Amino acid sequence: MADIDTTPQLPAEPEPKPSLVLDLVALVVLLAVCAVLYVIVKDPGFSIIIGAVGGLFGTWRKRRE
């Protein structure tokens, strides 16, 4: 006699998609932090600040995918 599983299988739940609203809020907050730091350090640190904020946002977004 064959061993057949007759238990009904429930469909797998789809993974929730990342919230675009949360991404927008995070980006705006990071840009605000960037603007405040720019006012404090002026031109010399601008590229460093922009690079750091871009890297942080990219890393955060990558982890959520």
PDB file of N, CA and C in Angstrom:
ATOM      1  N   MET A   1       0.827  -1.172   0.000  1.00  0.00           N
ATOM      2  CA  MET A   1       0.000   0.000   0.000  1.00  0.00           C
ATOM      3  C   MET A   1       0.885   1.254   0.000  1.00  0.00           C
ATOM      4  N   ALA A   2       0.549   2.230  -0.794  1.00  0.00           N
ATOM      5  CA  ALA A   2       1.333   3.451  -0.926  1.00  0.00           C
ATOM      6  C   ALA A   2       1.052   4.390   0.242  1.00  0.00           C
ATOM      7  N   ASP A   3       2.082   5.065   0.652  1.00  0.00           N
ATOM      8  CA  ASP A   3       1.955   6.025   1.745  1.00  0.00           C
ATOM      9  C   ASP A   3       1.652   7.396   1.149  1.00  0.00           C
ATOM     10  N   ILE A   4       0.390   7.822   1.146  1.00  0.00           N
ATOM     11  CA  ILE A   4      -0.025   9.083   0.539  1.00  0.00           C
ATOM     12  C   ILE A   4      -0.532  10.010   1.625  1.00  0.00           C
ATOM     13  N   ASP A   5      -0.030  11.226   1.602  1.00  0.00           N
ATOM     14  CA  ASP A   5      -0.464  12.235   2.573  1.00  0.00           C
ATOM     15  C   ASP A   5      -1.733  12.899   2.042  1.00  0.00           C
ATOM     16  N   THR A   6      -2.830  12.761   2.760  1.00  0.00           N
ATOM     17  CA  THR A   6      -4.100  13.339   2.313  1.00  0.00           C
ATOM     18  C   THR A   6      -4.452  14.616   3.057  1.00  0.00           C
ATOM     19  N   THR A   7      -3.507  15.107   3.856  1.00  0.00           N
ATOM     20  CA  THR A   7      -3.751  16.347   4.586  1.00  0.00           C
ATOM     21  C   THR A   7      -3.731  17.512   3.592  1.00  0.00           C
ATOM     22  N   PRO A   8      -4.766  18.357   3.616  1.00  0.00           N
ATOM     23  CA  PRO A   8      -4.774  19.490   2.678  1.00  0.00           C
ATOM     24  C   PRO A   8      -3.639  20.463   3.009  1.00  0.00           C
ATOM     25  N   GLN A   9      -2.979  20.914   1.971  1.00  0.00           N
ATOM     26  CA  GLN A   9      -1.876  21.855   2.140  1.00  0.00           C
ATOM     27  C   GLN A   9      -2.400  23.283   2.007  1.00  0.00           C
ATOM     28  N   LEU A  10      -2.068  24.110   2.980  1.00  0.00           N
ATOM     29  CA  LEU A  10      -2.454  25.512   2.934  1.00  0.00           C
ATOM     30  C   LEU A  10      -1.475  26.258   2.030  1.00  0.00           C
ATOM     31  N   PRO A  11      -1.970  27.201   1.252  1.00  0.00           N
ATOM     32  CA  PRO A  11      -1.041  27.961   0.392  1.00  0.00           C
ATOM     33  C   PRO A  11      -0.087  28.792   1.248  1.00  0.00           C
ATOM     34  N   ALA A  12       1.137  28.896   0.793  1.00  0.00           N
ATOM     35  CA  ALA A  12       2.134  29.678   1.524  1.00  0.00           C
ATOM     36  C   ALA A  12       1.742  31.153   1.482  1.00  0.00           C
ATOM     37  N   GLU A  13       1.920  31.821   2.625  1.00  0.00           N
ATOM     38  CA  GLU A  13       1.600  33.247   2.688  1.00  0.00           C
ATOM     39  C   GLU A  13       2.689  34.028   1.958  1.00  0.00           C
ATOM     40  N   PRO A  14       2.304  34.969   1.115  1.00  0.00           N
ATOM     41  CA  PRO A  14       3.324  35.773   0.433  1.00  0.00           C
ATOM     42  C   PRO A  14       4.045  36.674   1.431  1.00  0.00           C
ATOM     43  N   GLU A  15       5.320  36.915   1.163  1.00  0.00           N
ATOM     44  CA  GLU A  15       6.077  37.796   2.042  1.00  0.00           C
ATOM     45  C   GLU A  15       5.570  39.228   1.895  1.00  0.00           C
ATOM     46  N   PRO A  16       5.470  39.939   3.013  1.00  0.00           N
ATOM     47  CA  PRO A  16       4.993  41.329   2.913  1.00  0.00           C
ATOM     48  C   PRO A  16       6.015  42.184   2.172  1.00  0.00           C
ATOM     49  N   LYS A  17       5.507  43.074   1.346  1.00  0.00           N
ATOM     50  CA  LYS A  17       6.391  43.974   0.598  1.00  0.00           C
ATOM     51  C   LYS A  17       6.800  45.133   1.498  1.00  0.00           C
ATOM     52  N   PRO A  18       8.014  45.624   1.312  1.00  0.00           N
ATOM     53  CA  PRO A  18       8.454  46.758   2.122  1.00  0.00           C
ATOM     54  C   PRO A  18       7.534  47.961   1.905  1.00  0.00           C
ATOM     55  N   SER A  19       7.299  48.673   2.948  1.00  0.00           N
ATOM     56  CA  SER A  19       6.424  49.835   2.884  1.00  0.00           C
ATOM     57  C   SER A  19       7.151  51.005   2.235  1.00  0.00           C
ATOM     58  N   LEU A  20       6.571  51.528   1.170  1.00  0.00           N
ATOM     59  CA  LEU A  20       7.172  52.675   0.498  1.00  0.00           C
ATOM     60  C   LEU A  20       7.078  53.933   1.350  1.00  0.00           C
ATOM     61  N   VAL A  21       6.056  54.001   2.185  1.00  0.00           N
ATOM     62  CA  VAL A  21       5.908  55.168   3.064  1.00  0.00           C
ATOM     63  C   VAL A  21       7.061  55.199   4.064  1.00  0.00           C
ATOM     64  N   LEU A  22       7.403  54.036   4.623  1.00  0.00           N
ATOM     65  CA  LEU A  22       8.511  53.968   5.572  1.00  0.00           C
ATOM     66  C   LEU A  22       9.821  54.350   4.889  1.00  0.00           C
ATOM     67  N   ASP A  23      10.010  53.913   3.651  1.00  0.00           N
ATOM     68  CA  ASP A  23      11.206  54.290   2.901  1.00  0.00           C
ATOM     69  C   ASP A  23      11.267  55.802   2.698  1.00  0.00           C
ATOM     70  N   LEU A  24      10.140  56.395   2.357  1.00  0.00           N
ATOM     71  CA  LEU A  24      10.100  57.841   2.143  1.00  0.00           C
ATOM     72  C   LEU A  24      10.414  58.591   3.430  1.00  0.00           C
ATOM     73  N   VAL A  25       9.826  58.161   4.533  1.00  0.00           N
ATOM     74  CA  VAL A  25      10.080  58.817   5.822  1.00  0.00           C
ATOM     75  C   VAL A  25      11.559  58.692   6.191  1.00  0.00           C
ATOM     76  N   ALA A  26      12.132  57.511   6.004  1.00  0.00           N
ATOM     77  CA  ALA A  26      13.546  57.310   6.332  1.00  0.00           C
ATOM     78  C   ALA A  26      14.433  58.204   5.478  1.00  0.00           C
ATOM     79  N   LEU A  27      14.126  58.308   4.204  1.00  0.00           N
ATOM     80  CA  LEU A  27      14.932  59.139   3.316  1.00  0.00           C
ATOM     81  C   LEU A  27      14.829  60.614   3.691  1.00  0.00           C
ATOM     82  N   VAL A  28      13.636  61.076   3.999  1.00  0.00           N
ATOM     83  CA  VAL A  28      13.454  62.483   4.375  1.00  0.00           C
ATOM     84  C   VAL A  28      14.181  62.784   5.685  1.00  0.00           C
ATOM     85  N   VAL A  29      14.109  61.868   6.642  1.00  0.00           N
ATOM     86  CA  VAL A  29      14.812  62.066   7.918  1.00  0.00           C
ATOM     87  C   VAL A  29      16.316  62.115   7.685  1.00  0.00           C
ATOM     88  N   LEU A  30      16.832  61.213   6.865  1.00  0.00           N
ATOM     89  CA  LEU A  30      18.264  61.228   6.579  1.00  0.00           C
ATOM     90  C   LEU A  30      18.676  62.509   5.856  1.00  0.00           C
ATOM     91  N   LEU A  31      17.835  62.977   4.960  1.00  0.00           N
ATOM     92  CA  LEU A  31      18.144  64.230   4.274  1.00  0.00           C
ATOM     93  C   LEU A  31      18.116  65.418   5.245  1.00  0.00           C
ATOM     94  N   ALA A  32      17.203  65.392   6.199  1.00  0.00           N
ATOM     95  CA  ALA A  32      17.147  66.458   7.207  1.00  0.00           C
ATOM     96  C   ALA A  32      18.415  66.443   8.069  1.00  0.00           C
ATOM     97  N   VAL A  33      18.844  65.263   8.451  1.00  0.00           N
ATOM     98  CA  VAL A  33      20.083  65.142   9.230  1.00  0.00           C
ATOM     99  C   VAL A  33      21.253  65.663   8.406  1.00  0.00           C
ATOM    100  N   CYS A  34      21.258  65.332   7.145  1.00  0.00           N
ATOM    101  CA  CYS A  34      22.310  65.787   6.246  1.00  0.00           C
ATOM    102  C   CYS A  34      22.311  67.318   6.157  1.00  0.00           C
ATOM    103  N   ALA A  35      21.142  67.911   6.045  1.00  0.00           N
ATOM    104  CA  ALA A  35      21.040  69.368   5.952  1.00  0.00           C
ATOM    105  C   ALA A  35      21.556  70.035   7.226  1.00  0.00           C
ATOM    106  N   VAL A  36      21.202  69.488   8.379  1.00  0.00           N
ATOM    107  CA  VAL A  36      21.666  70.061   9.654  1.00  0.00           C
ATOM    108  C   VAL A  36      23.181  69.950   9.756  1.00  0.00           C
ATOM    109  N   LEU A  37      23.724  68.797   9.395  1.00  0.00           N
ATOM    110  CA  LEU A  37      25.184  68.640   9.446  1.00  0.00           C
ATOM    111  C   LEU A  37      25.878  69.578   8.461  1.00  0.00           C
ATOM    112  N   TYR A  38      25.277  69.804   7.319  1.00  0.00           N
ATOM    113  CA  TYR A  38      25.863  70.716   6.344  1.00  0.00           C
ATOM    114  C   TYR A  38      25.915  72.140   6.907  1.00  0.00           C
ATOM    115  N   VAL A  39      24.866  72.549   7.601  1.00  0.00           N
ATOM    116  CA  VAL A  39      24.844  73.890   8.201  1.00  0.00           C
ATOM    117  C   VAL A  39      25.957  74.010   9.252  1.00  0.00           C
ATOM    118  N   ILE A  40      26.227  72.905   9.940  1.00  0.00           N
ATOM    119  CA  ILE A  40      27.262  72.935  10.983  1.00  0.00           C
ATOM    120  C   ILE A  40      28.663  72.955  10.383  1.00  0.00           C
ATOM    121  N   VAL A  41      28.951  72.089   9.407  1.00  0.00           N
ATOM    122  CA  VAL A  41      30.330  71.954   8.908  1.00  0.00           C
ATOM    123  C   VAL A  41      30.602  72.746   7.632  1.00  0.00           C
ATOM    124  N   LYS A  42      29.596  73.264   6.997  1.00  0.00           N
ATOM    125  CA  LYS A  42      29.727  74.032   5.740  1.00  0.00           C
ATOM    126  C   LYS A  42      30.301  73.151   4.623  1.00  0.00           C
ATOM    127  N   ASP A  43      31.007  73.756   3.683  1.00  0.00           N
ATOM    128  CA  ASP A  43      31.457  73.062   2.468  1.00  0.00           C
ATOM    129  C   ASP A  43      32.459  71.913   2.656  1.00  0.00           C
ATOM    130  N   PRO A  44      33.441  72.008   3.531  1.00  0.00           N
ATOM    131  CA  PRO A  44      34.474  70.972   3.555  1.00  0.00           C
ATOM    132  C   PRO A  44      33.952  69.542   3.758  1.00  0.00           C
ATOM    133  N   GLY A  45      32.945  69.379   4.555  1.00  0.00           N
ATOM    134  CA  GLY A  45      32.472  68.032   4.843  1.00  0.00           C
ATOM    135  C   GLY A  45      31.256  67.603   4.051  1.00  0.00           C
ATOM    136  N   PHE A  46      30.846  68.415   3.076  1.00  0.00           N
ATOM    137  CA  PHE A  46      29.597  68.136   2.366  1.00  0.00           C
ATOM    138  C   PHE A  46      29.610  66.792   1.648  1.00  0.00           C
ATOM    139  N   SER A  47      30.655  66.509   0.899  1.00  0.00           N
ATOM    140  CA  SER A  47      30.689  65.243   0.144  1.00  0.00           C
ATOM    141  C   SER A  47      30.762  64.042   1.078  1.00  0.00           C
ATOM    142  N   ILE A  48      31.445  64.193   2.198  1.00  0.00           N
ATOM    143  CA  ILE A  48      31.523  63.092   3.171  1.00  0.00           C
ATOM    144  C   ILE A  48      30.151  62.832   3.774  1.00  0.00           C
ATOM    145  N   ILE A  49      29.444  63.887   4.116  1.00  0.00           N
ATOM    146  CA  ILE A  49      28.114  63.739   4.711  1.00  0.00           C
ATOM    147  C   ILE A  49      27.153  63.093   3.723  1.00  0.00           C
ATOM    148  N   ILE A  50      27.136  63.584   2.487  1.00  0.00           N
ATOM    149  CA  ILE A  50      26.239  63.030   1.472  1.00  0.00           C
ATOM    150  C   ILE A  50      26.561  61.557   1.220  1.00  0.00           C
ATOM    151  N   GLY A  51      27.837  61.232   1.137  1.00  0.00           N
ATOM    152  CA  GLY A  51      28.243  59.838   0.918  1.00  0.00           C
ATOM    153  C   GLY A  51      27.824  58.937   2.065  1.00  0.00           C
ATOM    154  N   ALA A  52      28.009  59.419   3.301  1.00  0.00           N
ATOM    155  CA  ALA A  52      27.643  58.621   4.473  1.00  0.00           C
ATOM    156  C   ALA A  52      26.135  58.400   4.533  1.00  0.00           C
ATOM    157  N   VAL A  53      25.365  59.441   4.289  1.00  0.00           N
ATOM    158  CA  VAL A  53      23.905  59.315   4.329  1.00  0.00           C
ATOM    159  C   VAL A  53      23.423  58.378   3.219  1.00  0.00           C
ATOM    160  N   GLY A  54      23.976  58.528   2.026  1.00  0.00           N
ATOM    161  CA  GLY A  54      23.608  57.627   0.928  1.00  0.00           C
ATOM    162  C   GLY A  54      23.944  56.181   1.247  1.00  0.00           C
ATOM    163  N   GLY A  55      25.107  55.959   1.837  1.00  0.00           N
ATOM    164  CA  GLY A  55      25.502  54.609   2.223  1.00  0.00           C
ATOM    165  C   GLY A  55      24.600  54.017   3.288  1.00  0.00           C
ATOM    166  N   LEU A  56      24.258  54.825   4.288  1.00  0.00           N
ATOM    167  CA  LEU A  56      23.365  54.347   5.355  1.00  0.00           C
ATOM    168  C   LEU A  56      21.986  53.995   4.804  1.00  0.00           C
ATOM    169  N   PHE A  57      21.453  54.854   3.952  1.00  0.00           N
ATOM    170  CA  PHE A  57      20.129  54.580   3.396  1.00  0.00           C
ATOM    171  C   PHE A  57      20.173  53.343   2.504  1.00  0.00           C
ATOM    172  N   GLY A  58      21.202  53.228   1.693  1.00  0.00           N
ATOM    173  CA  GLY A  58      21.337  52.059   0.822  1.00  0.00           C
ATOM    174  C   GLY A  58      21.449  50.763   1.614  1.00  0.00           C
ATOM    175  N   THR A  59      22.230  50.793   2.683  1.00  0.00           N
ATOM    176  CA  THR A  59      22.377  49.609   3.530  1.00  0.00           C
ATOM    177  C   THR A  59      21.060  49.257   4.199  1.00  0.00           C
ATOM    178  N   TRP A  60      20.372  50.262   4.723  1.00  0.00           N
ATOM    179  CA  TRP A  60      19.098  50.016   5.399  1.00  0.00           C
ATOM    180  C   TRP A  60      18.081  49.446   4.427  1.00  0.00           C
ATOM    181  N   ARG A  61      18.038  49.995   3.244  1.00  0.00           N
ATOM    182  CA  ARG A  61      17.071  49.542   2.231  1.00  0.00           C
ATOM    183  C   ARG A  61      17.395  48.120   1.765  1.00  0.00           C
ATOM    184  N   LYS A  62      18.664  47.807   1.604  1.00  0.00           N
ATOM    185  CA  LYS A  62      19.084  46.477   1.162  1.00  0.00           C
ATOM    186  C   LYS A  62      18.684  45.419   2.190  1.00  0.00           C
ATOM    187  N   ARG A  63      18.801  45.723   3.461  1.00  0.00           N
ATOM    188  CA  ARG A  63      18.436  44.771   4.511  1.00  0.00           C
ATOM    189  C   ARG A  63      16.950  44.467   4.499  1.00  0.00           C
ATOM    190  N   ARG A  64      16.132  45.419   4.073  1.00  0.00           N
ATOM    191  CA  ARG A  64      14.687  45.238   4.083  1.00  0.00           C
ATOM    192  C   ARG A  64      14.183  44.421   2.911  1.00  0.00           C
ATOM    193  N   GLU A  65      14.972  44.270   1.860  1.00  0.00           N
ATOM    194  CA  GLU A  65      14.523  43.546   0.672  1.00  0.00           C
ATOM    195  C   GLU A  65      14.624  42.061   0.830  1.00  0.00           C
TER     196      GLU A  65
END
